[in-house]
């Protein structure tokens, strides 16, 4: 049971990592908004907006919020996974 929960949690985090990475790559390409890109933006924007509010500093056109989002996701994943193995 614990291994199944562990696998589900890890998979959910990996999918969100990939969505964030896709969001970063999409921001570099002049692709219009369609169903797929709309979904990616809708799913990742609340998380990225949180870090943009915390760290409003932007140098030129570079947005550092994805870096902090990846770090926070890694910390959250480690905490949740460790909690599964404590119980």
C-alpha atoms as a PDB file:
ATOM      1  CA  UNK A   1       0.000   0.000   0.000  1.00  0.00           C
ATOM      2  CA  UNK A   2       2.747   2.451   0.952  1.00  0.00           C
ATOM      3  CA  UNK A   3       4.689   1.668  -2.202  1.00  0.00           C
ATOM      4  CA  UNK A   4       1.620   2.349  -4.337  1.00  0.00           C
ATOM      5  CA  UNK A   5       1.102   5.741  -2.686  1.00  0.00           C
ATOM      6  CA  UNK A   6       4.798   6.460  -3.081  1.00  0.00           C
ATOM      7  CA  UNK A   7       4.610   5.665  -6.804  1.00  0.00           C
ATOM      8  CA  UNK A   8       1.512   7.819  -7.290  1.00  0.00           C
ATOM      9  CA  UNK A   9       3.053  10.796  -5.497  1.00  0.00           C
ATOM     10  CA  UNK A  10       6.299  10.524  -7.443  1.00  0.00           C
ATOM     11  CA  UNK A  11       4.399  10.251 -10.731  1.00  0.00           C
ATOM     12  CA  UNK A  12       2.251  13.296  -9.980  1.00  0.00           C
ATOM     13  CA  UNK A  13       5.340  15.359  -9.170  1.00  0.00           C
ATOM     14  CA  UNK A  14       7.163  14.146 -12.287  1.00  0.00           C
ATOM     15  CA  UNK A  15       4.201  15.094 -14.476  1.00  0.00           C
ATOM     16  CA  UNK A  16       4.109  18.560 -12.902  1.00  0.00           C
ATOM     17  CA  UNK A  17       7.872  18.933 -13.448  1.00  0.00           C
ATOM     18  CA  UNK A  18       7.312  18.125 -17.117  1.00  0.00           C
ATOM     19  CA  UNK A  19       4.431  20.599 -17.354  1.00  0.00           C
ATOM     20  CA  UNK A  20       6.645  23.331 -15.886  1.00  0.00           C
ATOM     21  CA  UNK A  21       9.408  22.465 -18.309  1.00  0.00           C
ATOM     22  CA  UNK A  22       6.940  22.569 -21.207  1.00  0.00           C
ATOM     23  CA  UNK A  23       5.736  25.964 -19.967  1.00  0.00           C
ATOM     24  CA  UNK A  24       9.293  27.297 -19.985  1.00  0.00           C
ATOM     25  CA  UNK A  25       9.933  25.992 -23.492  1.00  0.00           C
ATOM     26  CA  UNK A  26       6.606  27.351 -24.755  1.00  0.00           C
ATOM     27  CA  UNK A  27       7.467  30.800 -23.440  1.00  0.00           C
ATOM     28  CA  UNK A  28      10.450  30.871 -25.818  1.00  0.00           C
ATOM     29  CA  UNK A  29       8.426  29.950 -28.910  1.00  0.00           C
ATOM     30  CA  UNK A  30       5.902  32.136 -30.713  1.00  0.00           C
ATOM     31  CA  UNK A  31       3.151  29.521 -30.639  1.00  0.00           C
ATOM     32  CA  UNK A  32      -0.434  30.688 -30.384  1.00  0.00           C
ATOM     33  CA  UNK A  33      -2.662  29.541 -27.575  1.00  0.00           C
ATOM     34  CA  UNK A  34      -4.490  26.307 -28.361  1.00  0.00           C
ATOM     35  CA  UNK A  35      -6.004  23.556 -26.224  1.00  0.00           C
ATOM     36  CA  UNK A  36      -2.687  21.992 -25.185  1.00  0.00           C
ATOM     37  CA  UNK A  37      -0.827  25.225 -24.476  1.00  0.00           C
ATOM     38  CA  UNK A  38      -3.904  26.616 -22.728  1.00  0.00           C
ATOM     39  CA  UNK A  39      -3.988  23.585 -20.440  1.00  0.00           C
ATOM     40  CA  UNK A  40      -0.278  23.889 -19.649  1.00  0.00           C
ATOM     41  CA  UNK A  41      -0.587  27.593 -18.868  1.00  0.00           C
ATOM     42  CA  UNK A  42      -3.743  27.094 -16.772  1.00  0.00           C
ATOM     43  CA  UNK A  43      -2.155  24.326 -14.695  1.00  0.00           C
ATOM     44  CA  UNK A  44       1.213  25.997 -14.089  1.00  0.00           C
ATOM     45  CA  UNK A  45       0.289  29.677 -13.781  1.00  0.00           C
ATOM     46  CA  UNK A  46      -1.078  29.619 -10.194  1.00  0.00           C
ATOM     47  CA  UNK A  47       2.125  28.006  -8.903  1.00  0.00           C
ATOM     48  CA  UNK A  48       4.402  30.329 -10.870  1.00  0.00           C
ATOM     49  CA  UNK A  49       2.342  33.398  -9.949  1.00  0.00           C
ATOM     50  CA  UNK A  50       2.908  32.609  -6.275  1.00  0.00           C
ATOM     51  CA  UNK A  51       6.675  32.893  -6.767  1.00  0.00           C
ATOM     52  CA  UNK A  52       6.330  36.004  -8.920  1.00  0.00           C
ATOM     53  CA  UNK A  53       4.524  37.686  -6.028  1.00  0.00           C
ATOM     54  CA  UNK A  54       7.181  36.566  -3.544  1.00  0.00           C
ATOM     55  CA  UNK A  55      10.128  37.549  -5.727  1.00  0.00           C
ATOM     56  CA  UNK A  56       9.022  40.389  -7.987  1.00  0.00           C
ATOM     57  CA  UNK A  57      12.561  41.075  -9.202  1.00  0.00           C
ATOM     58  CA  UNK A  58      13.001  40.478 -12.911  1.00  0.00           C
ATOM     59  CA  UNK A  59      16.117  41.329 -14.800  1.00  0.00           C
ATOM     60  CA  UNK A  60      15.147  42.380 -18.275  1.00  0.00           C
ATOM     61  CA  UNK A  61      13.026  39.675 -19.838  1.00  0.00           C
ATOM     62  CA  UNK A  62      14.201  36.846 -17.571  1.00  0.00           C
ATOM     63  CA  UNK A  63      11.644  35.407 -15.149  1.00  0.00           C
ATOM     64  CA  UNK A  64      13.256  33.516 -12.289  1.00  0.00           C
ATOM     65  CA  UNK A  65      10.005  32.119 -10.861  1.00  0.00           C
ATOM     66  CA  UNK A  66      10.406  28.700 -12.576  1.00  0.00           C
ATOM     67  CA  UNK A  67      13.731  28.176 -10.793  1.00  0.00           C
ATOM     68  CA  UNK A  68      12.110  28.751  -7.424  1.00  0.00           C
ATOM     69  CA  UNK A  69       9.141  26.612  -8.476  1.00  0.00           C
ATOM     70  CA  UNK A  70      11.420  23.666  -9.294  1.00  0.00           C
ATOM     71  CA  UNK A  71      13.224  24.047  -5.958  1.00  0.00           C
ATOM     72  CA  UNK A  72       9.939  24.219  -4.037  1.00  0.00           C
ATOM     73  CA  UNK A  73       8.545  21.191  -5.886  1.00  0.00           C
ATOM     74  CA  UNK A  74      11.642  19.195  -4.996  1.00  0.00           C
ATOM     75  CA  UNK A  75      11.352  20.138  -1.331  1.00  0.00           C
ATOM     76  CA  UNK A  76       7.627  19.359  -1.232  1.00  0.00           C
ATOM     77  CA  UNK A  77       8.181  16.021  -2.955  1.00  0.00           C
ATOM     78  CA  UNK A  78      10.902  15.024  -0.494  1.00  0.00           C
ATOM     79  CA  UNK A  79       8.764  15.966   2.506  1.00  0.00           C
ATOM     80  CA  UNK A  80       5.719  14.060   1.253  1.00  0.00           C
ATOM     81  CA  UNK A  81       7.741  10.969   0.287  1.00  0.00           C
ATOM     82  CA  UNK A  82       9.499  10.915   3.659  1.00  0.00           C
ATOM     83  CA  UNK A  83       6.144  11.157   5.438  1.00  0.00           C
ATOM     84  CA  UNK A  84       4.984   8.017   3.630  1.00  0.00           C
ATOM     85  CA  UNK A  85       7.976   6.071   4.908  1.00  0.00           C
ATOM     86  CA  UNK A  86       7.554   7.274   8.492  1.00  0.00           C
ATOM     87  CA  UNK A  87       4.112   5.720   8.761  1.00  0.00           C
END
